[in-house]
């Protein structure tokens, strides 16, 4: 899903610490911000994510940083 990276950068989410922060948010808040980032609002480059891509990214955010701590 490298094609979605620019959306994160354009939004200002350009470090691992920002992603770690988002991963700790309540699920509904995390979903809302990912939807905003990945649907091209806030100066996106026109690339939008599918619902499946958003679901995969949400799942990865829920597990990646937890796995990193163990």
C-alpha atoms as a PDB file:
ATOM      1  CA  UNK A   1       0.000   0.000   0.000  1.00  0.00           C
ATOM      2  CA  UNK A   2       2.897   2.298  -0.730  1.00  0.00           C
ATOM      3  CA  UNK A   3       0.606   4.305  -2.998  1.00  0.00           C
ATOM      4  CA  UNK A   4      -1.107   5.698   0.138  1.00  0.00           C
ATOM      5  CA  UNK A   5       2.065   6.976   1.805  1.00  0.00           C
ATOM      6  CA  UNK A   6       1.766  10.451   0.287  1.00  0.00           C
ATOM      7  CA  UNK A   7      -1.668  10.877   1.895  1.00  0.00           C
ATOM      8  CA  UNK A   8      -0.098  10.378   5.339  1.00  0.00           C
ATOM      9  CA  UNK A   9       2.749  12.774   4.539  1.00  0.00           C
ATOM     10  CA  UNK A  10       0.381  15.438   3.184  1.00  0.00           C
ATOM     11  CA  UNK A  11      -1.683  15.180   6.354  1.00  0.00           C
ATOM     12  CA  UNK A  12       1.436  15.678   8.492  1.00  0.00           C
ATOM     13  CA  UNK A  13       1.644  12.108   9.758  1.00  0.00           C
ATOM     14  CA  UNK A  14       5.235  11.551   8.748  1.00  0.00           C
ATOM     15  CA  UNK A  15       6.917   9.785  11.658  1.00  0.00           C
ATOM     16  CA  UNK A  16       6.610   6.491  13.460  1.00  0.00           C
ATOM     17  CA  UNK A  17       5.680   8.427  16.599  1.00  0.00           C
ATOM     18  CA  UNK A  18       2.591   9.864  14.892  1.00  0.00           C
ATOM     19  CA  UNK A  19       1.544   6.356  13.823  1.00  0.00           C
ATOM     20  CA  UNK A  20       2.189   5.056  17.330  1.00  0.00           C
ATOM     21  CA  UNK A  21      -0.023   7.824  18.700  1.00  0.00           C
ATOM     22  CA  UNK A  22      -2.859   7.022  16.302  1.00  0.00           C
ATOM     23  CA  UNK A  23      -2.582   3.338  17.203  1.00  0.00           C
ATOM     24  CA  UNK A  24      -3.422   4.123  20.832  1.00  0.00           C
ATOM     25  CA  UNK A  25      -6.617   6.048  20.062  1.00  0.00           C
ATOM     26  CA  UNK A  26     -10.098   4.630  20.573  1.00  0.00           C
ATOM     27  CA  UNK A  27     -11.114   2.503  17.563  1.00  0.00           C
ATOM     28  CA  UNK A  28     -13.821   4.881  16.320  1.00  0.00           C
ATOM     29  CA  UNK A  29     -11.525   7.911  16.537  1.00  0.00           C
ATOM     30  CA  UNK A  30      -8.728   6.007  14.773  1.00  0.00           C
ATOM     31  CA  UNK A  31     -11.150   4.963  12.014  1.00  0.00           C
ATOM     32  CA  UNK A  32     -12.347   8.543  11.526  1.00  0.00           C
ATOM     33  CA  UNK A  33      -8.828   9.961  11.184  1.00  0.00           C
ATOM     34  CA  UNK A  34      -7.709   7.176   8.847  1.00  0.00           C
ATOM     35  CA  UNK A  35     -10.770   7.779   6.702  1.00  0.00           C
ATOM     36  CA  UNK A  36      -9.901  11.484   6.553  1.00  0.00           C
ATOM     37  CA  UNK A  37      -6.246  10.823   5.697  1.00  0.00           C
ATOM     38  CA  UNK A  38      -6.940   8.090   3.175  1.00  0.00           C
ATOM     39  CA  UNK A  39      -9.822   9.615   1.256  1.00  0.00           C
ATOM     40  CA  UNK A  40      -7.711  12.455  -0.026  1.00  0.00           C
ATOM     41  CA  UNK A  41      -9.086  15.318   2.058  1.00  0.00           C
ATOM     42  CA  UNK A  42      -6.536  17.786   3.427  1.00  0.00           C
ATOM     43  CA  UNK A  43      -4.448  18.157   0.303  1.00  0.00           C
ATOM     44  CA  UNK A  44      -4.184  14.527  -0.696  1.00  0.00           C
ATOM     45  CA  UNK A  45      -2.709  13.660  -4.064  1.00  0.00           C
ATOM     46  CA  UNK A  46      -5.971  12.250  -5.381  1.00  0.00           C
ATOM     47  CA  UNK A  47      -5.253   8.668  -4.288  1.00  0.00           C
ATOM     48  CA  UNK A  48      -8.018   7.247  -2.154  1.00  0.00           C
ATOM     49  CA  UNK A  49      -8.039   4.032  -0.193  1.00  0.00           C
ATOM     50  CA  UNK A  50     -10.644   1.349  -0.506  1.00  0.00           C
ATOM     51  CA  UNK A  51     -12.613   0.243   2.540  1.00  0.00           C
ATOM     52  CA  UNK A  52     -10.529  -2.951   2.547  1.00  0.00           C
ATOM     53  CA  UNK A  53      -7.258  -0.993   2.594  1.00  0.00           C
ATOM     54  CA  UNK A  54      -8.526   1.112   5.492  1.00  0.00           C
ATOM     55  CA  UNK A  55      -9.529  -2.044   7.381  1.00  0.00           C
ATOM     56  CA  UNK A  56      -6.104  -3.612   6.811  1.00  0.00           C
ATOM     57  CA  UNK A  57      -4.310  -0.453   8.000  1.00  0.00           C
ATOM     58  CA  UNK A  58      -6.565  -0.244  11.071  1.00  0.00           C
ATOM     59  CA  UNK A  59      -5.789  -3.839  11.929  1.00  0.00           C
ATOM     60  CA  UNK A  60      -2.077  -3.291  11.469  1.00  0.00           C
ATOM     61  CA  UNK A  61      -2.145  -0.212  13.717  1.00  0.00           C
ATOM     62  CA  UNK A  62      -3.916  -2.265  16.393  1.00  0.00           C
ATOM     63  CA  UNK A  63      -1.286  -5.007  16.317  1.00  0.00           C
ATOM     64  CA  UNK A  64       2.033  -3.569  15.105  1.00  0.00           C
ATOM     65  CA  UNK A  65       2.996  -1.466  18.110  1.00  0.00           C
ATOM     66  CA  UNK A  66       1.689  -4.073  20.563  1.00  0.00           C
ATOM     67  CA  UNK A  67       3.857  -6.715  18.870  1.00  0.00           C
ATOM     68  CA  UNK A  68       6.795  -4.299  18.945  1.00  0.00           C
ATOM     69  CA  UNK A  69       6.598  -3.983  22.747  1.00  0.00           C
ATOM     70  CA  UNK A  70       6.708  -7.740  23.391  1.00  0.00           C
END
